[in-house]
Structures are given as structure tokens and as C-alpha cells.
Amino acid sequence: MKNVDLMIFDFDGTLVSTGADLAAAVNYTLEKLGCPVKKHEEIITFVGDGVVKLIERALGPERHEFYPHALEIFSSYYSEHLLDNTSLCPGVKEVLEYFRHKTKVILTNKRYNFTLAISKGLGIEKYFAEIVGDGSMPYRKPDKRLIDYLLHNHEKKVEKTVIIGDGINDVNLAKNSGIICCAYLNGLGKRDVLLAAGADYYCENLSEIKSFFS
């Protein structure tokens, strides 16, 4: 069992199941623009690099002129519907309670305001010392400067810091910064990509990390 002092959690697909509401917001945006809607499964593959990339991927390069307006439509709709179907992932409340005395941070490429609204709506913001999302800082995962900032801000050591996430950006961030990585295999990220990435730990359910870290 590895002793850690700082636990960094990804958001979409790791702490919260947001796929249905993200897909609905993307398809609402496409419909408003007169574009063909996409399957839920395809939209999920666009998630992980922030809302701008999500919209760019959903529209495709041939509709580049729609990007700014699409972003406005998506943001307006999603802000009103981000809790329609979104819920905590299995084991989350149990894990947050178990590690309640550890310093915990949410680190996501999702917009900060969306992340905060969902965290408050689901009653988990109280467990975290800080929430860092898109707009909080000029960097996004997997930029190691995010970890430099968190280690400095919370006075923690690199060797006692772990990131738990379901995306390749989380694994790459850990490798870029030297922190420990635990990949969650049942989130939004591609399982085969995560398994090939060489994370330090893997879990099928978040509750498993109780036996990994102390």
C-alpha cells in the first residue's frame, strides 16, 4: 500500500457520469445549426480535451465557420442541463468519505464553472481543497505546470501525489510530472488505450483504490 498526501481526481467519467448530458448538449447544438446529429458513443470519444475541442470534433473541419456560434449554443444549453442525467460514478461517495482526511483536488479539462456547478449539485465539492478546471489556469492536462502549481499550492511532494483518472491525459500528465497514476478503466476513456499506457495502478471500480493508497 502506497502512502500519499495529495490525491488528484479527474472529473468527467471518473467522479461523475456526465456522458449522457454532454452528448445531449452536443446533439442539441448540431440540431440548432442544421447539422446531422451523432451517436452517443461517437460523441463520448470527443471528450477529454475541453469544450472547444469537443465542439471542433463534433462539427468536423468542414464546418469551421460554425465553431464560435456552436460554442455559444453548447455552453448556454449545457449550463442549464448539466444535471439532467449526470450522477456520481460507482464508489465515489464511499471513496471520498474514506479519504476525507487527505488533501484532495479535482483537476479537469472541463470548464471550471461547469465542474463547480455539478460538484455542488451532487454534493461533493465539500470534499475538495481545490477545483482546477479549464479557465482556472492557462494550462490544460497533460501540461506538467498544473502539477507544479498544485504541489506548490498545497505544499506536497511529487512522490506522495497520485492522480486518479479515466483518460490518457491523466496518465500522460503523471508521466510528464513524475507523480503516481491510477487509471480508472470504466469511465469515458478507451480501455485498450489506458491499458497500453502503462499506468502505475489500474482499477475497475474506484472503491479499489482504498486498498492501493493510505
C-alpha atoms as a PDB file:
ATOM      1  CA  MET A   1       0.000   0.000   0.000  1.00  0.00           C
ATOM      2  CA  LYS A   2       1.387   3.387  -1.065  1.00  0.00           C
ATOM      3  CA  ASN A   3       1.237   6.355   1.299  1.00  0.00           C
ATOM      4  CA  VAL A   4       0.051   9.550  -0.421  1.00  0.00           C
ATOM      5  CA  ASP A   5      -0.579  13.095   0.814  1.00  0.00           C
ATOM      6  CA  LEU A   6      -2.279  14.625  -2.239  1.00  0.00           C
ATOM      7  CA  MET A   7      -4.990  12.905  -4.279  1.00  0.00           C
ATOM      8  CA  ILE A   8      -5.871  14.473  -7.618  1.00  0.00           C
ATOM      9  CA  PHE A   9      -9.098  13.340  -9.270  1.00  0.00           C
ATOM     10  CA  ASP A  10     -10.196  13.745 -12.862  1.00  0.00           C
ATOM     11  CA  PHE A  11     -13.877  14.705 -13.202  1.00  0.00           C
ATOM     12  CA  ASP A  12     -15.813  13.528 -16.275  1.00  0.00           C
ATOM     13  CA  GLY A  13     -16.009   9.740 -16.279  1.00  0.00           C
ATOM     14  CA  THR A  14     -14.027   9.376 -13.044  1.00  0.00           C
ATOM     15  CA  LEU A  15     -16.041  11.136 -10.347  1.00  0.00           C
ATOM     16  CA  VAL A  16     -19.180  11.838 -12.325  1.00  0.00           C
ATOM     17  CA  SER A  17     -21.019  10.114 -15.146  1.00  0.00           C
ATOM     18  CA  THR A  18     -21.577  13.072 -17.461  1.00  0.00           C
ATOM     19  CA  GLY A  19     -21.679  11.351 -20.850  1.00  0.00           C
ATOM     20  CA  ALA A  20     -25.432  11.478 -21.424  1.00  0.00           C
ATOM     21  CA  ASP A  21     -25.742  15.209 -20.740  1.00  0.00           C
ATOM     22  CA  LEU A  22     -22.653  16.049 -22.786  1.00  0.00           C
ATOM     23  CA  ALA A  23     -23.955  14.035 -25.733  1.00  0.00           C
ATOM     24  CA  ALA A  24     -27.401  15.640 -25.452  1.00  0.00           C
ATOM     25  CA  ALA A  25     -25.856  19.125 -25.421  1.00  0.00           C
ATOM     26  CA  VAL A  26     -23.677  18.354 -28.435  1.00  0.00           C
ATOM     27  CA  ASN A  27     -26.630  16.988 -30.423  1.00  0.00           C
ATOM     28  CA  TYR A  28     -28.797  19.955 -29.419  1.00  0.00           C
ATOM     29  CA  THR A  29     -26.040  22.212 -30.775  1.00  0.00           C
ATOM     30  CA  LEU A  30     -25.787  20.250 -34.027  1.00  0.00           C
ATOM     31  CA  GLU A  31     -29.570  20.336 -34.494  1.00  0.00           C
ATOM     32  CA  LYS A  32     -29.722  24.102 -33.939  1.00  0.00           C
ATOM     33  CA  LEU A  33     -27.080  24.541 -36.618  1.00  0.00           C
ATOM     34  CA  GLY A  34     -28.864  22.232 -39.044  1.00  0.00           C
ATOM     35  CA  CYS A  35     -26.122  19.611 -38.852  1.00  0.00           C
ATOM     36  CA  PRO A  36     -26.649  15.834 -38.594  1.00  0.00           C
ATOM     37  CA  VAL A  37     -26.712  14.555 -35.035  1.00  0.00           C
ATOM     38  CA  LYS A  38     -24.227  11.930 -33.882  1.00  0.00           C
ATOM     39  CA  LYS A  39     -24.431   8.739 -31.859  1.00  0.00           C
ATOM     40  CA  HIS A  40     -23.773   8.942 -28.138  1.00  0.00           C
ATOM     41  CA  GLU A  41     -20.838   6.538 -28.416  1.00  0.00           C
ATOM     42  CA  GLU A  42     -19.094   8.700 -31.009  1.00  0.00           C
ATOM     43  CA  ILE A  43     -19.562  11.906 -29.034  1.00  0.00           C
ATOM     44  CA  ILE A  44     -18.014  10.299 -25.958  1.00  0.00           C
ATOM     45  CA  THR A  45     -14.790   9.763 -27.920  1.00  0.00           C
ATOM     46  CA  PHE A  46     -14.571  13.562 -28.350  1.00  0.00           C
ATOM     47  CA  VAL A  47     -14.475  14.199 -24.578  1.00  0.00           C
ATOM     48  CA  GLY A  48     -11.319  14.867 -22.569  1.00  0.00           C
ATOM     49  CA  ASP A  49      -9.627  17.940 -24.016  1.00  0.00           C
ATOM     50  CA  GLY A  50     -12.082  20.661 -23.076  1.00  0.00           C
ATOM     51  CA  VAL A  51     -15.241  22.110 -24.586  1.00  0.00           C
ATOM     52  CA  VAL A  52     -13.534  23.821 -27.543  1.00  0.00           C
ATOM     53  CA  LYS A  53     -12.049  20.536 -28.754  1.00  0.00           C
ATOM     54  CA  LEU A  54     -15.351  18.766 -28.058  1.00  0.00           C
ATOM     55  CA  ILE A  55     -17.206  21.154 -30.358  1.00  0.00           C
ATOM     56  CA  GLU A  56     -14.471  21.135 -33.006  1.00  0.00           C
ATOM     57  CA  ARG A  57     -14.541  17.340 -33.124  1.00  0.00           C
ATOM     58  CA  ALA A  58     -18.326  17.196 -33.222  1.00  0.00           C
ATOM     59  CA  LEU A  59     -18.563  19.667 -36.101  1.00  0.00           C
ATOM     60  CA  GLY A  60     -15.569  18.435 -38.065  1.00  0.00           C
ATOM     61  CA  PRO A  61     -13.149  20.587 -40.096  1.00  0.00           C
ATOM     62  CA  GLU A  62     -15.638  21.162 -42.925  1.00  0.00           C
ATOM     63  CA  ARG A  63     -17.861  23.275 -40.659  1.00  0.00           C
ATOM     64  CA  HIS A  64     -15.143  25.506 -39.240  1.00  0.00           C
ATOM     65  CA  GLU A  65     -17.240  28.647 -39.678  1.00  0.00           C
ATOM     66  CA  PHE A  66     -19.777  27.339 -37.161  1.00  0.00           C
ATOM     67  CA  TYR A  67     -17.294  26.960 -34.273  1.00  0.00           C
ATOM     68  CA  PRO A  68     -17.858  30.252 -32.373  1.00  0.00           C
ATOM     69  CA  HIS A  69     -21.655  30.104 -32.633  1.00  0.00           C
ATOM     70  CA  ALA A  70     -21.689  26.383 -31.804  1.00  0.00           C
ATOM     71  CA  LEU A  71     -19.673  27.042 -28.668  1.00  0.00           C
ATOM     72  CA  GLU A  72     -22.207  29.640 -27.539  1.00  0.00           C
ATOM     73  CA  ILE A  73     -25.155  27.326 -28.188  1.00  0.00           C
ATOM     74  CA  PHE A  74     -23.499  24.407 -26.406  1.00  0.00           C
ATOM     75  CA  SER A  75     -22.417  26.440 -23.378  1.00  0.00           C
ATOM     76  CA  SER A  76     -25.831  28.033 -22.927  1.00  0.00           C
ATOM     77  CA  TYR A  77     -27.701  24.727 -23.221  1.00  0.00           C
ATOM     78  CA  TYR A  78     -25.282  22.647 -21.167  1.00  0.00           C
ATOM     79  CA  SER A  79     -25.212  25.145 -18.302  1.00  0.00           C
ATOM     80  CA  GLU A  80     -28.985  24.634 -17.952  1.00  0.00           C
ATOM     81  CA  HIS A  81     -28.973  20.851 -18.409  1.00  0.00           C
ATOM     82  CA  LEU A  82     -25.716  19.621 -16.875  1.00  0.00           C
ATOM     83  CA  LEU A  83     -27.510  17.783 -14.079  1.00  0.00           C
ATOM     84  CA  ASP A  84     -30.382  16.282 -16.080  1.00  0.00           C
ATOM     85  CA  ASN A  85     -28.862  12.782 -16.204  1.00  0.00           C
ATOM     86  CA  THR A  86     -25.478  13.271 -14.524  1.00  0.00           C
ATOM     87  CA  SER A  87     -24.734  11.262 -11.391  1.00  0.00           C
ATOM     88  CA  LEU A  88     -21.795  10.129  -9.303  1.00  0.00           C
ATOM     89  CA  CYS A  89     -19.795   7.219 -10.653  1.00  0.00           C
ATOM     90  CA  PRO A  90     -19.945   3.967  -8.638  1.00  0.00           C
ATOM     91  CA  GLY A  91     -17.975   4.067  -5.390  1.00  0.00           C
ATOM     92  CA  VAL A  92     -17.270   7.814  -5.448  1.00  0.00           C
ATOM     93  CA  LYS A  93     -19.029   8.846  -2.235  1.00  0.00           C
ATOM     94  CA  GLU A  94     -17.523   5.851  -0.423  1.00  0.00           C
ATOM     95  CA  VAL A  95     -14.006   6.743  -1.602  1.00  0.00           C
ATOM     96  CA  LEU A  96     -14.324  10.444  -0.775  1.00  0.00           C
ATOM     97  CA  GLU A  97     -15.527   9.605   2.714  1.00  0.00           C
ATOM     98  CA  TYR A  98     -12.772   7.041   3.202  1.00  0.00           C
ATOM     99  CA  PHE A  99     -10.081   9.556   2.205  1.00  0.00           C
ATOM    100  CA  ARG A 100     -11.812  12.547   3.844  1.00  0.00           C
ATOM    101  CA  HIS A 101      -8.680  13.459   5.825  1.00  0.00           C
ATOM    102  CA  LYS A 102      -6.454  13.512   2.718  1.00  0.00           C
ATOM    103  CA  THR A 103      -5.932  16.658   0.669  1.00  0.00           C
ATOM    104  CA  LYS A 104      -7.970  16.121  -2.486  1.00  0.00           C
ATOM    105  CA  VAL A 105      -8.204  18.193  -5.653  1.00  0.00           C
ATOM    106  CA  ILE A 106     -10.303  17.998  -8.806  1.00  0.00           C
ATOM    107  CA  LEU A 107      -8.212  18.568 -11.926  1.00  0.00           C
ATOM    108  CA  THR A 108     -10.122  18.580 -15.195  1.00  0.00           C
ATOM    109  CA  ASN A 109     -10.082  19.966 -18.712  1.00  0.00           C
ATOM    110  CA  LYS A 110     -13.795  20.652 -18.277  1.00  0.00           C
ATOM    111  CA  ARG A 111     -14.709  24.296 -17.801  1.00  0.00           C
ATOM    112  CA  TYR A 112     -14.388  25.384 -14.205  1.00  0.00           C
ATOM    113  CA  ASN A 113     -17.916  26.803 -13.963  1.00  0.00           C
ATOM    114  CA  PHE A 114     -19.480  23.567 -15.247  1.00  0.00           C
ATOM    115  CA  THR A 115     -17.348  21.493 -12.881  1.00  0.00           C
ATOM    116  CA  LEU A 116     -18.242  23.617  -9.867  1.00  0.00           C
ATOM    117  CA  ALA A 117     -21.950  23.562 -10.684  1.00  0.00           C
ATOM    118  CA  ILE A 118     -22.026  19.775 -10.990  1.00  0.00           C
ATOM    119  CA  SER A 119     -19.890  19.274  -7.871  1.00  0.00           C
ATOM    120  CA  LYS A 120     -22.242  21.453  -5.844  1.00  0.00           C
ATOM    121  CA  GLY A 121     -25.312  19.863  -7.381  1.00  0.00           C
ATOM    122  CA  LEU A 122     -24.139  16.377  -6.435  1.00  0.00           C
ATOM    123  CA  GLY A 123     -22.879  17.478  -3.023  1.00  0.00           C
ATOM    124  CA  ILE A 124     -19.199  16.583  -3.396  1.00  0.00           C
ATOM    125  CA  GLU A 125     -17.489  19.998  -3.544  1.00  0.00           C
ATOM    126  CA  LYS A 126     -17.020  19.911   0.230  1.00  0.00           C
ATOM    127  CA  TYR A 127     -14.531  17.049  -0.078  1.00  0.00           C
ATOM    128  CA  PHE A 128     -12.043  19.023  -2.172  1.00  0.00           C
ATOM    129  CA  ALA A 129      -9.459  21.597  -1.160  1.00  0.00           C
ATOM    130  CA  GLU A 130      -9.468  22.993  -4.703  1.00  0.00           C
ATOM    131  CA  ILE A 131     -11.106  22.581  -8.084  1.00  0.00           C
ATOM    132  CA  VAL A 132      -8.945  23.349 -11.115  1.00  0.00           C
ATOM    133  CA  GLY A 133     -10.734  23.389 -14.452  1.00  0.00           C
ATOM    134  CA  ASP A 134     -10.456  24.995 -17.856  1.00  0.00           C
ATOM    135  CA  GLY A 135     -10.395  28.726 -17.201  1.00  0.00           C
ATOM    136  CA  SER A 136      -8.777  28.384 -13.767  1.00  0.00           C
ATOM    137  CA  MET A 137      -5.294  28.415 -15.277  1.00  0.00           C
ATOM    138  CA  PRO A 138      -3.757  28.925 -18.715  1.00  0.00           C
ATOM    139  CA  TYR A 139      -2.731  25.241 -18.885  1.00  0.00           C
ATOM    140  CA  ARG A 140      -4.589  22.007 -19.560  1.00  0.00           C
ATOM    141  CA  LYS A 141      -3.766  18.381 -18.893  1.00  0.00           C
ATOM    142  CA  PRO A 142      -1.269  16.883 -19.644  1.00  0.00           C
ATOM    143  CA  ASP A 143       0.817  20.060 -19.044  1.00  0.00           C
ATOM    144  CA  LYS A 144       3.085  19.398 -16.040  1.00  0.00           C
ATOM    145  CA  ARG A 145       2.812  23.026 -14.929  1.00  0.00           C
ATOM    146  CA  LEU A 146      -0.564  22.094 -13.463  1.00  0.00           C
ATOM    147  CA  ILE A 147       1.148  19.657 -11.114  1.00  0.00           C
ATOM    148  CA  ASP A 148       3.915  22.153 -10.339  1.00  0.00           C
ATOM    149  CA  TYR A 149       1.208  24.593  -9.271  1.00  0.00           C
ATOM    150  CA  LEU A 150      -0.711  22.066  -7.159  1.00  0.00           C
ATOM    151  CA  LEU A 151       2.382  20.758  -5.376  1.00  0.00           C
ATOM    152  CA  HIS A 152       3.451  24.301  -4.540  1.00  0.00           C
ATOM    153  CA  ASN A 153      -0.011  25.476  -3.548  1.00  0.00           C
ATOM    154  CA  HIS A 154      -0.699  22.538  -1.241  1.00  0.00           C
ATOM    155  CA  GLU A 155       2.896  22.045  -0.084  1.00  0.00           C
ATOM    156  CA  LYS A 156       3.048  18.387  -1.143  1.00  0.00           C
ATOM    157  CA  LYS A 157       5.794  16.210  -2.591  1.00  0.00           C
ATOM    158  CA  VAL A 158       5.771  14.696  -6.049  1.00  0.00           C
ATOM    159  CA  GLU A 159       6.426  11.167  -4.790  1.00  0.00           C
ATOM    160  CA  LYS A 160       3.404  11.349  -2.469  1.00  0.00           C
ATOM    161  CA  THR A 161       0.950  12.635  -5.052  1.00  0.00           C
ATOM    162  CA  VAL A 162      -1.403  10.485  -7.126  1.00  0.00           C
ATOM    163  CA  ILE A 163      -3.781  11.272  -9.960  1.00  0.00           C
ATOM    164  CA  ILE A 164      -6.825   9.070 -10.493  1.00  0.00           C
ATOM    165  CA  GLY A 165      -8.452   9.386 -13.886  1.00  0.00           C
ATOM    166  CA  ASP A 166     -10.081   7.606 -16.808  1.00  0.00           C
ATOM    167  CA  GLY A 167      -8.258   9.365 -19.638  1.00  0.00           C
ATOM    168  CA  ILE A 168      -4.932   9.160 -21.441  1.00  0.00           C
ATOM    169  CA  ASN A 169      -4.343  12.804 -20.466  1.00  0.00           C
ATOM    170  CA  ASP A 170      -4.253  11.719 -16.814  1.00  0.00           C
ATOM    171  CA  VAL A 171      -1.646   9.027 -17.470  1.00  0.00           C
ATOM    172  CA  ASN A 172       0.423  11.376 -19.615  1.00  0.00           C
ATOM    173  CA  LEU A 173       0.224  14.122 -17.001  1.00  0.00           C
ATOM    174  CA  ALA A 174       1.579  11.710 -14.393  1.00  0.00           C
ATOM    175  CA  LYS A 175       4.422  10.681 -16.686  1.00  0.00           C
ATOM    176  CA  ASN A 176       5.215  14.300 -17.535  1.00  0.00           C
ATOM    177  CA  SER A 177       5.367  15.333 -13.887  1.00  0.00           C
ATOM    178  CA  GLY A 178       6.592  12.237 -12.052  1.00  0.00           C
ATOM    179  CA  ILE A 179       3.534  11.714  -9.865  1.00  0.00           C
ATOM    180  CA  ILE A 180       1.785   8.364  -9.335  1.00  0.00           C
ATOM    181  CA  CYS A 181      -1.053   7.432 -11.687  1.00  0.00           C
ATOM    182  CA  CYS A 182      -4.091   5.232 -11.191  1.00  0.00           C
ATOM    183  CA  ALA A 183      -6.159   4.640 -14.323  1.00  0.00           C
ATOM    184  CA  TYR A 184      -9.888   4.021 -13.929  1.00  0.00           C
ATOM    185  CA  LEU A 185     -10.948   1.597 -16.653  1.00  0.00           C
ATOM    186  CA  ASN A 186     -14.727   2.030 -16.604  1.00  0.00           C
ATOM    187  CA  GLY A 187     -15.025   5.726 -17.366  1.00  0.00           C
ATOM    188  CA  LEU A 188     -15.188   7.590 -20.673  1.00  0.00           C
ATOM    189  CA  GLY A 189     -11.632   6.777 -21.769  1.00  0.00           C
ATOM    190  CA  LYS A 190     -10.748   3.939 -24.116  1.00  0.00           C
ATOM    191  CA  ARG A 191      -9.870   0.875 -22.092  1.00  0.00           C
ATOM    192  CA  ASP A 192      -7.301  -0.521 -24.538  1.00  0.00           C
ATOM    193  CA  VAL A 193      -5.509   2.823 -24.765  1.00  0.00           C
ATOM    194  CA  LEU A 194      -5.314   3.075 -20.979  1.00  0.00           C
ATOM    195  CA  LEU A 195      -4.063  -0.487 -20.574  1.00  0.00           C
ATOM    196  CA  ALA A 196      -1.343   0.143 -23.130  1.00  0.00           C
ATOM    197  CA  ALA A 197      -0.310   3.412 -21.462  1.00  0.00           C
ATOM    198  CA  GLY A 198       1.446   1.801 -18.504  1.00  0.00           C
ATOM    199  CA  ALA A 199      -0.201   3.450 -15.501  1.00  0.00           C
ATOM    200  CA  ASP A 200       1.151   2.585 -12.048  1.00  0.00           C
ATOM    201  CA  TYR A 201      -2.223   1.220 -10.901  1.00  0.00           C
ATOM    202  CA  TYR A 202      -5.456   0.169 -12.578  1.00  0.00           C
ATOM    203  CA  CYS A 203      -8.940  -0.135 -11.108  1.00  0.00           C
ATOM    204  CA  GLU A 204     -12.296  -1.351 -12.395  1.00  0.00           C
ATOM    205  CA  ASN A 205     -14.163   0.412  -9.579  1.00  0.00           C
ATOM    206  CA  LEU A 206     -12.965   3.477  -7.684  1.00  0.00           C
ATOM    207  CA  SER A 207     -13.523   1.739  -4.374  1.00  0.00           C
ATOM    208  CA  GLU A 208     -10.481  -0.435  -5.183  1.00  0.00           C
ATOM    209  CA  ILE A 209      -8.142   2.491  -4.520  1.00  0.00           C
ATOM    210  CA  LYS A 210      -8.815   2.095  -0.802  1.00  0.00           C
ATOM    211  CA  SER A 211      -6.502  -0.906  -0.953  1.00  0.00           C
ATOM    212  CA  PHE A 212      -3.885   0.911  -3.074  1.00  0.00           C
ATOM    213  CA  PHE A 213      -3.304   4.085  -1.074  1.00  0.00           C
ATOM    214  CA  SER A 214      -3.123   5.139   2.542  1.00  0.00           C
END
